[in-house]
Amino acid sequence: MDDQDILQRIQGLVEEERELREKAESAAPGPEHAPDRTRLKRIEEDLDQCWDLLRQRRAKLQYGENPDEAAPRPVRQVEDYRG
């Protein structure tokens, strides 16, 4: 997966997140929306991982290393990361 692939994945996730949030805002709260909340959480985790992988790749490239050696890290390691 190269930088362009990662950016396309990020774009797709952001679009899906936006659609789910708009849907949630226009719907009445209730247990039937639990799958949407679960999916939103997973999207947030996936985005954290994608951004982290992109940062890893760019750092490796900057320091003359092979960006293809960067690998996704576990969600627990990257969640809520602010860089």
PDB file of N, CA and C in Angstrom:
ATOM      1  N   MET A   1       0.848  -1.168   0.000  1.00  0.00           N
ATOM      2  CA  MET A   1       0.000   0.000   0.000  1.00  0.00           C
ATOM      3  C   MET A   1       0.896   1.234   0.000  1.00  0.00           C
ATOM      4  N   ASP A   2       0.757   2.082  -1.023  1.00  0.00           N
ATOM      5  CA  ASP A   2       1.567   3.291  -1.074  1.00  0.00           C
ATOM      6  C   ASP A   2       0.778   4.485  -0.518  1.00  0.00           C
ATOM      7  N   ASP A   3       1.418   5.650  -0.503  1.00  0.00           N
ATOM      8  CA  ASP A   3       0.784   6.841   0.077  1.00  0.00           C
ATOM      9  C   ASP A   3      -0.555   7.154  -0.593  1.00  0.00           C
ATOM     10  N   GLN A   4      -0.607   7.028  -1.918  1.00  0.00           N
ATOM     11  CA  GLN A   4      -1.843   7.336  -2.637  1.00  0.00           C
ATOM     12  C   GLN A   4      -2.961   6.375  -2.220  1.00  0.00           C
ATOM     13  N   ASP A   5      -2.637   5.103  -2.066  1.00  0.00           N
ATOM     14  CA  ASP A   5      -3.634   4.123  -1.615  1.00  0.00           C
ATOM     15  C   ASP A   5      -4.156   4.477  -0.222  1.00  0.00           C
ATOM     16  N   ILE A   6      -3.238   4.868   0.647  1.00  0.00           N
ATOM     17  CA  ILE A   6      -3.620   5.219   2.016  1.00  0.00           C
ATOM     18  C   ILE A   6      -4.516   6.461   2.004  1.00  0.00           C
ATOM     19  N   LEU A   7      -4.149   7.463   1.202  1.00  0.00           N
ATOM     20  CA  LEU A   7      -4.956   8.682   1.121  1.00  0.00           C
ATOM     21  C   LEU A   7      -6.342   8.396   0.545  1.00  0.00           C
ATOM     22  N   GLN A   8      -6.431   7.504  -0.422  1.00  0.00           N
ATOM     23  CA  GLN A   8      -7.741   7.134  -0.964  1.00  0.00           C
ATOM     24  C   GLN A   8      -8.569   6.412   0.093  1.00  0.00           C
ATOM     25  N   ARG A   9      -7.926   5.555   0.867  1.00  0.00           N
ATOM     26  CA  ARG A   9      -8.628   4.851   1.962  1.00  0.00           C
ATOM     27  C   ARG A   9      -9.148   5.869   2.975  1.00  0.00           C
ATOM     28  N   ILE A  10      -8.301   6.833   3.335  1.00  0.00           N
ATOM     29  CA  ILE A  10      -8.701   7.885   4.275  1.00  0.00           C
ATOM     30  C   ILE A  10      -9.907   8.650   3.722  1.00  0.00           C
ATOM     31  N   GLN A  11      -9.839   9.020   2.456  1.00  0.00           N
ATOM     32  CA  GLN A  11     -10.937   9.768   1.840  1.00  0.00           C
ATOM     33  C   GLN A  11     -12.232   8.969   1.892  1.00  0.00           C
ATOM     34  N   GLY A  12     -12.174   7.682   1.603  1.00  0.00           N
ATOM     35  CA  GLY A  12     -13.361   6.840   1.652  1.00  0.00           C
ATOM     36  C   GLY A  12     -13.928   6.736   3.050  1.00  0.00           C
ATOM     37  N   LEU A  13     -13.050   6.580   4.037  1.00  0.00           N
ATOM     38  CA  LEU A  13     -13.496   6.483   5.425  1.00  0.00           C
ATOM     39  C   LEU A  13     -14.121   7.785   5.903  1.00  0.00           C
ATOM     40  N   VAL A  14     -13.518   8.911   5.537  1.00  0.00           N
ATOM     41  CA  VAL A  14     -14.048  10.218   5.932  1.00  0.00           C
ATOM     42  C   VAL A  14     -15.439  10.423   5.331  1.00  0.00           C
ATOM     43  N   GLU A  15     -15.601  10.034   4.085  1.00  0.00           N
ATOM     44  CA  GLU A  15     -16.906  10.174   3.439  1.00  0.00           C
ATOM     45  C   GLU A  15     -17.953   9.293   4.130  1.00  0.00           C
ATOM     46  N   GLU A  16     -17.583   8.062   4.425  1.00  0.00           N
ATOM     47  CA  GLU A  16     -18.520   7.170   5.120  1.00  0.00           C
ATOM     48  C   GLU A  16     -18.866   7.709   6.501  1.00  0.00           C
ATOM     49  N   GLU A  17     -17.854   8.228   7.205  1.00  0.00           N
ATOM     50  CA  GLU A  17     -18.087   8.805   8.533  1.00  0.00           C
ATOM     51  C   GLU A  17     -19.056   9.987   8.442  1.00  0.00           C
ATOM     52  N   ARG A  18     -18.855  10.851   7.467  1.00  0.00           N
ATOM     53  CA  ARG A  18     -19.726  12.015   7.283  1.00  0.00           C
ATOM     54  C   ARG A  18     -21.169  11.574   7.034  1.00  0.00           C
ATOM     55  N   GLU A  19     -21.344  10.591   6.171  1.00  0.00           N
ATOM     56  CA  GLU A  19     -22.685  10.092   5.861  1.00  0.00           C
ATOM     57  C   GLU A  19     -23.362   9.503   7.106  1.00  0.00           C
ATOM     58  N   LEU A  20     -22.622   8.728   7.880  1.00  0.00           N
ATOM     59  CA  LEU A  20     -23.195   8.128   9.083  1.00  0.00           C
ATOM     60  C   LEU A  20     -23.558   9.189  10.117  1.00  0.00           C
ATOM     61  N   ARG A  21     -22.708  10.203  10.253  1.00  0.00           N
ATOM     62  CA  ARG A  21     -22.997  11.274  11.220  1.00  0.00           C
ATOM     63  C   ARG A  21     -24.222  12.088  10.787  1.00  0.00           C
ATOM     64  N   GLU A  22     -24.338  12.360   9.495  1.00  0.00           N
ATOM     65  CA  GLU A  22     -25.519  13.076   9.005  1.00  0.00           C
ATOM     66  C   GLU A  22     -26.775  12.253   9.240  1.00  0.00           C
ATOM     67  N   LYS A  23     -26.688  10.976   8.989  1.00  0.00           N
ATOM     68  CA  LYS A  23     -27.822  10.079   9.208  1.00  0.00           C
ATOM     69  C   LYS A  23     -28.208  10.065  10.690  1.00  0.00           C
ATOM     70  N   ALA A  24     -27.218  10.024  11.563  1.00  0.00           N
ATOM     71  CA  ALA A  24     -27.473   9.994  13.005  1.00  0.00           C
ATOM     72  C   ALA A  24     -28.114  11.296  13.478  1.00  0.00           C
ATOM     73  N   GLU A  25     -27.695  12.418  12.912  1.00  0.00           N
ATOM     74  CA  GLU A  25     -28.256  13.715  13.306  1.00  0.00           C
ATOM     75  C   GLU A  25     -29.721  13.841  12.918  1.00  0.00           C
ATOM     76  N   SER A  26     -30.096  13.223  11.817  1.00  0.00           N
ATOM     77  CA  SER A  26     -31.466  13.362  11.341  1.00  0.00           C
ATOM     78  C   SER A  26     -32.404  12.287  11.885  1.00  0.00           C
ATOM     79  N   ALA A  27     -31.873  11.316  12.609  1.00  0.00           N
ATOM     80  CA  ALA A  27     -32.691  10.212  13.129  1.00  0.00           C
ATOM     81  C   ALA A  27     -32.933  10.385  14.625  1.00  0.00           C
ATOM     82  N   ALA A  28     -34.018   9.824  15.076  1.00  0.00           N
ATOM     83  CA  ALA A  28     -34.311   9.823  16.509  1.00  0.00           C
ATOM     84  C   ALA A  28     -33.361   8.837  17.199  1.00  0.00           C
ATOM     85  N   PRO A  29     -32.887   9.177  18.400  1.00  0.00           N
ATOM     86  CA  PRO A  29     -31.986   8.265  19.105  1.00  0.00           C
ATOM     87  C   PRO A  29     -32.703   6.976  19.480  1.00  0.00           C
ATOM     88  N   GLY A  30     -31.958   5.895  19.500  1.00  0.00           N
ATOM     89  CA  GLY A  30     -32.555   4.621  19.879  1.00  0.00           C
ATOM     90  C   GLY A  30     -31.605   3.476  19.636  1.00  0.00           C
ATOM     91  N   PRO A  31     -31.961   2.303  20.136  1.00  0.00           N
ATOM     92  CA  PRO A  31     -31.070   1.138  20.016  1.00  0.00           C
ATOM     93  C   PRO A  31     -30.873   0.675  18.579  1.00  0.00           C
ATOM     94  N   GLU A  32     -31.780   1.036  17.686  1.00  0.00           N
ATOM     95  CA  GLU A  32     -31.635   0.621  16.296  1.00  0.00           C
ATOM     96  C   GLU A  32     -30.438   1.282  15.619  1.00  0.00           C
ATOM     97  N   HIS A  33     -29.869   2.310  16.244  1.00  0.00           N
ATOM     98  CA  HIS A  33     -28.709   3.005  15.684  1.00  0.00           C
ATOM     99  C   HIS A  33     -27.385   2.496  16.265  1.00  0.00           C
ATOM    100  N   ALA A  34     -27.441   1.467  17.078  1.00  0.00           N
ATOM    101  CA  ALA A  34     -26.220   0.898  17.657  1.00  0.00           C
ATOM    102  C   ALA A  34     -25.234   0.432  16.588  1.00  0.00           C
ATOM    103  N   PRO A  35     -25.704  -0.210  15.494  1.00  0.00           N
ATOM    104  CA  PRO A  35     -24.733  -0.607  14.460  1.00  0.00           C
ATOM    105  C   PRO A  35     -24.007   0.589  13.850  1.00  0.00           C
ATOM    106  N   ASP A  36     -24.717   1.722  13.696  1.00  0.00           N
ATOM    107  CA  ASP A  36     -24.072   2.922  13.165  1.00  0.00           C
ATOM    108  C   ASP A  36     -23.003   3.428  14.128  1.00  0.00           C
ATOM    109  N   ARG A  37     -23.297   3.421  15.414  1.00  0.00           N
ATOM    110  CA  ARG A  37     -22.309   3.870  16.408  1.00  0.00           C
ATOM    111  C   ARG A  37     -21.107   2.938  16.421  1.00  0.00           C
ATOM    112  N   THR A  38     -21.368   1.648  16.292  1.00  0.00           N
ATOM    113  CA  THR A  38     -20.280   0.671  16.239  1.00  0.00           C
ATOM    114  C   THR A  38     -19.417   0.909  15.003  1.00  0.00           C
ATOM    115  N   ARG A  39     -20.069   1.142  13.878  1.00  0.00           N
ATOM    116  CA  ARG A  39     -19.328   1.392  12.634  1.00  0.00           C
ATOM    117  C   ARG A  39     -18.548   2.696  12.721  1.00  0.00           C
ATOM    118  N   LEU A  40     -19.121   3.730  13.328  1.00  0.00           N
ATOM    119  CA  LEU A  40     -18.395   4.992  13.493  1.00  0.00           C
ATOM    120  C   LEU A  40     -17.128   4.798  14.321  1.00  0.00           C
ATOM    121  N   LYS A  41     -17.250   4.027  15.376  1.00  0.00           N
ATOM    122  CA  LYS A  41     -16.059   3.753  16.215  1.00  0.00           C
ATOM    123  C   LYS A  41     -14.991   3.059  15.391  1.00  0.00           C
ATOM    124  N   ARG A  42     -15.391   2.077  14.604  1.00  0.00           N
ATOM    125  CA  ARG A  42     -14.430   1.336  13.778  1.00  0.00           C
ATOM    126  C   ARG A  42     -13.801   2.249  12.725  1.00  0.00           C
ATOM    127  N   ILE A  43     -14.596   3.145  12.150  1.00  0.00           N
ATOM    128  CA  ILE A  43     -14.057   4.093  11.175  1.00  0.00           C
ATOM    129  C   ILE A  43     -13.008   4.984  11.835  1.00  0.00           C
ATOM    130  N   GLU A  44     -13.306   5.478  13.027  1.00  0.00           N
ATOM    131  CA  GLU A  44     -12.343   6.322  13.753  1.00  0.00           C
ATOM    132  C   GLU A  44     -11.041   5.574  14.005  1.00  0.00           C
ATOM    133  N   GLU A  45     -11.148   4.314  14.390  1.00  0.00           N
ATOM    134  CA  GLU A  45      -9.948   3.498  14.627  1.00  0.00           C
ATOM    135  C   GLU A  45      -9.172   3.276  13.329  1.00  0.00           C
ATOM    136  N   ASP A  46      -9.895   2.985  12.252  1.00  0.00           N
ATOM    137  CA  ASP A  46      -9.246   2.785  10.955  1.00  0.00           C
ATOM    138  C   ASP A  46      -8.538   4.055  10.498  1.00  0.00           C
ATOM    139  N   LEU A  47      -9.181   5.201  10.715  1.00  0.00           N
ATOM    140  CA  LEU A  47      -8.551   6.472  10.346  1.00  0.00           C
ATOM    141  C   LEU A  47      -7.279   6.709  11.148  1.00  0.00           C
ATOM    142  N   ASP A  48      -7.324   6.439  12.450  1.00  0.00           N
ATOM    143  CA  ASP A  48      -6.119   6.579  13.276  1.00  0.00           C
ATOM    144  C   ASP A  48      -4.990   5.720  12.718  1.00  0.00           C
ATOM    145  N   GLN A  49      -5.307   4.491  12.354  1.00  0.00           N
ATOM    146  CA  GLN A  49      -4.286   3.588  11.808  1.00  0.00           C
ATOM    147  C   GLN A  49      -3.763   4.085  10.461  1.00  0.00           C
ATOM    148  N   CYS A  50      -4.642   4.560   9.602  1.00  0.00           N
ATOM    149  CA  CYS A  50      -4.212   5.051   8.291  1.00  0.00           C
ATOM    150  C   CYS A  50      -3.304   6.269   8.427  1.00  0.00           C
ATOM    151  N   TRP A  51      -3.707   7.222   9.256  1.00  0.00           N
ATOM    152  CA  TRP A  51      -2.877   8.415   9.446  1.00  0.00           C
ATOM    153  C   TRP A  51      -1.531   8.048  10.048  1.00  0.00           C
ATOM    154  N   ASP A  52      -1.526   7.117  10.992  1.00  0.00           N
ATOM    155  CA  ASP A  52      -0.266   6.683  11.593  1.00  0.00           C
ATOM    156  C   ASP A  52       0.629   6.024  10.547  1.00  0.00           C
ATOM    157  N   LEU A  53       0.059   5.164   9.717  1.00  0.00           N
ATOM    158  CA  LEU A  53       0.841   4.497   8.675  1.00  0.00           C
ATOM    159  C   LEU A  53       1.405   5.518   7.693  1.00  0.00           C
ATOM    160  N   LEU A  54       0.612   6.498   7.324  1.00  0.00           N
ATOM    161  CA  LEU A  54       1.087   7.542   6.421  1.00  0.00           C
ATOM    162  C   LEU A  54       2.242   8.319   7.048  1.00  0.00           C
ATOM    163  N   ARG A  55       2.117   8.658   8.331  1.00  0.00           N
ATOM    164  CA  ARG A  55       3.212   9.362   9.030  1.00  0.00           C
ATOM    165  C   ARG A  55       4.470   8.499   9.073  1.00  0.00           C
ATOM    166  N   GLN A  56       4.303   7.201   9.343  1.00  0.00           N
ATOM    167  CA  GLN A  56       5.457   6.300   9.366  1.00  0.00           C
ATOM    168  C   GLN A  56       6.162   6.283   8.009  1.00  0.00           C
ATOM    169  N   ARG A  57       5.372   6.140   6.949  1.00  0.00           N
ATOM    170  CA  ARG A  57       5.935   6.076   5.595  1.00  0.00           C
ATOM    171  C   ARG A  57       6.695   7.359   5.264  1.00  0.00           C
ATOM    172  N   ARG A  58       6.096   8.490   5.593  1.00  0.00           N
ATOM    173  CA  ARG A  58       6.747   9.777   5.283  1.00  0.00           C
ATOM    174  C   ARG A  58       8.021   9.980   6.098  1.00  0.00           C
ATOM    175  N   ALA A  59       8.010   9.541   7.348  1.00  0.00           N
ATOM    176  CA  ALA A  59       9.212   9.652   8.184  1.00  0.00           C
ATOM    177  C   ALA A  59      10.329   8.761   7.639  1.00  0.00           C
ATOM    178  N   LYS A  60       9.983   7.544   7.245  1.00  0.00           N
ATOM    179  CA  LYS A  60      10.998   6.653   6.682  1.00  0.00           C
ATOM    180  C   LYS A  60      11.596   7.246   5.413  1.00  0.00           C
ATOM    181  N   LEU A  61      10.757   7.783   4.561  1.00  0.00           N
ATOM    182  CA  LEU A  61      11.228   8.393   3.325  1.00  0.00           C
ATOM    183  C   LEU A  61      12.144   9.585   3.625  1.00  0.00           C
ATOM    184  N   GLN A  62      11.741  10.396   4.578  1.00  0.00           N
ATOM    185  CA  GLN A  62      12.515  11.579   4.961  1.00  0.00           C
ATOM    186  C   GLN A  62      13.908  11.202   5.448  1.00  0.00           C
ATOM    187  N   TYR A  63      14.031  10.066   6.117  1.00  0.00           N
ATOM    188  CA  TYR A  63      15.313   9.665   6.680  1.00  0.00           C
ATOM    189  C   TYR A  63      16.018   8.595   5.845  1.00  0.00           C
ATOM    190  N   GLY A  64      15.633   8.504   4.575  1.00  0.00           N
ATOM    191  CA  GLY A  64      16.327   7.637   3.645  1.00  0.00           C
ATOM    192  C   GLY A  64      16.048   6.155   3.815  1.00  0.00           C
ATOM    193  N   GLU A  65      14.984   5.826   4.504  1.00  0.00           N
ATOM    194  CA  GLU A  65      14.609   4.430   4.688  1.00  0.00           C
ATOM    195  C   GLU A  65      13.524   4.058   3.686  1.00  0.00           C
ATOM    196  N   ASN A  66      13.260   2.770   3.591  1.00  0.00           N
ATOM    197  CA  ASN A  66      12.244   2.277   2.663  1.00  0.00           C
ATOM    198  C   ASN A  66      10.853   2.450   3.274  1.00  0.00           C
ATOM    199  N   PRO A  67      10.010   3.303   2.682  1.00  0.00           N
ATOM    200  CA  PRO A  67       8.670   3.514   3.250  1.00  0.00           C
ATOM    201  C   PRO A  67       7.806   2.255   3.215  1.00  0.00           C
ATOM    202  N   ASP A  68       8.130   1.318   2.325  1.00  0.00           N
ATOM    203  CA  ASP A  68       7.353   0.087   2.246  1.00  0.00           C
ATOM    204  C   ASP A  68       7.569  -0.821   3.459  1.00  0.00           C
ATOM    205  N   GLU A  69       8.549  -0.495   4.280  1.00  0.00           N
ATOM    206  CA  GLU A  69       8.782  -1.263   5.500  1.00  0.00           C
ATOM    207  C   GLU A  69       7.869  -0.818   6.650  1.00  0.00           C
ATOM    208  N   ALA A  70       7.160   0.289   6.452  1.00  0.00           N
ATOM    209  CA  ALA A  70       6.197   0.755   7.468  1.00  0.00           C
ATOM    210  C   ALA A  70       5.040  -0.231   7.510  1.00  0.00           C
ATOM    211  N   ALA A  71       4.514  -0.444   8.697  1.00  0.00           N
ATOM    212  CA  ALA A  71       3.410  -1.391   8.855  1.00  0.00           C
ATOM    213  C   ALA A  71       2.362  -0.798   9.783  1.00  0.00           C
ATOM    214  N   PRO A  72       1.098  -1.147   9.536  1.00  0.00           N
ATOM    215  CA  PRO A  72       0.046  -0.669  10.434  1.00  0.00           C
ATOM    216  C   PRO A  72       0.295  -1.148  11.864  1.00  0.00           C
ATOM    217  N   ARG A  73       0.076  -0.261  12.796  1.00  0.00           N
ATOM    218  CA  ARG A  73       0.221  -0.624  14.204  1.00  0.00           C
ATOM    219  C   ARG A  73      -1.155  -0.934  14.786  1.00  0.00           C
ATOM    220  N   PRO A  74      -1.178  -1.650  15.898  1.00  0.00           N
ATOM    221  CA  PRO A  74      -2.463  -1.985  16.524  1.00  0.00           C
ATOM    222  C   PRO A  74      -3.256  -0.735  16.901  1.00  0.00           C
ATOM    223  N   VAL A  75      -4.567  -0.870  16.873  1.00  0.00           N
ATOM    224  CA  VAL A  75      -5.455   0.248  17.201  1.00  0.00           C
ATOM    225  C   VAL A  75      -5.119   0.840  18.557  1.00  0.00           C
ATOM    226  N   ARG A  76      -4.890  -0.017  19.525  1.00  0.00           N
ATOM    227  CA  ARG A  76      -4.589   0.491  20.879  1.00  0.00           C
ATOM    228  C   ARG A  76      -3.387   1.398  20.901  1.00  0.00           C
ATOM    229  N   GLN A  77      -2.422   1.133  20.026  1.00  0.00           N
ATOM    230  CA  GLN A  77      -1.202   1.917  20.009  1.00  0.00           C
ATOM    231  C   GLN A  77      -1.420   3.278  19.346  1.00  0.00           C
ATOM    232  N   VAL A  78      -2.311   3.351  18.383  1.00  0.00           N
ATOM    233  CA  VAL A  78      -2.459   4.599  17.633  1.00  0.00           C
ATOM    234  C   VAL A  78      -3.736   5.382  17.936  1.00  0.00           C
ATOM    235  N   GLU A  79      -4.678   4.800  18.663  1.00  0.00           N
ATOM    236  CA  GLU A  79      -5.929   5.517  18.885  1.00  0.00           C
ATOM    237  C   GLU A  79      -5.690   6.781  19.692  1.00  0.00           C
ATOM    238  N   ASP A  80      -6.407   7.800  19.303  1.00  0.00           N
ATOM    239  CA  ASP A  80      -6.316   9.118  19.924  1.00  0.00           C
ATOM    240  C   ASP A  80      -4.937   9.754  19.794  1.00  0.00           C
ATOM    241  N   TYR A  81      -4.129   9.257  18.888  1.00  0.00           N
ATOM    242  CA  TYR A  81      -2.813   9.848  18.660  1.00  0.00           C
ATOM    243  C   TYR A  81      -2.973  11.206  18.020  1.00  0.00           C
ATOM    244  N   ARG A  82      -2.295  12.157  18.517  1.00  0.00           N
ATOM    245  CA  ARG A  82      -2.306  13.489  17.914  1.00  0.00           C
ATOM    246  C   ARG A  82      -0.851  13.857  17.647  1.00  0.00           C
ATOM    247  N   GLY A  83      -0.524  13.994  16.379  1.00  0.00           N
ATOM    248  CA  GLY A  83       0.857  14.221  16.006  1.00  0.00           C
ATOM    249  C   GLY A  83       1.180  15.542  15.553  1.00  0.00           C
TER     250      GLY A  83
END
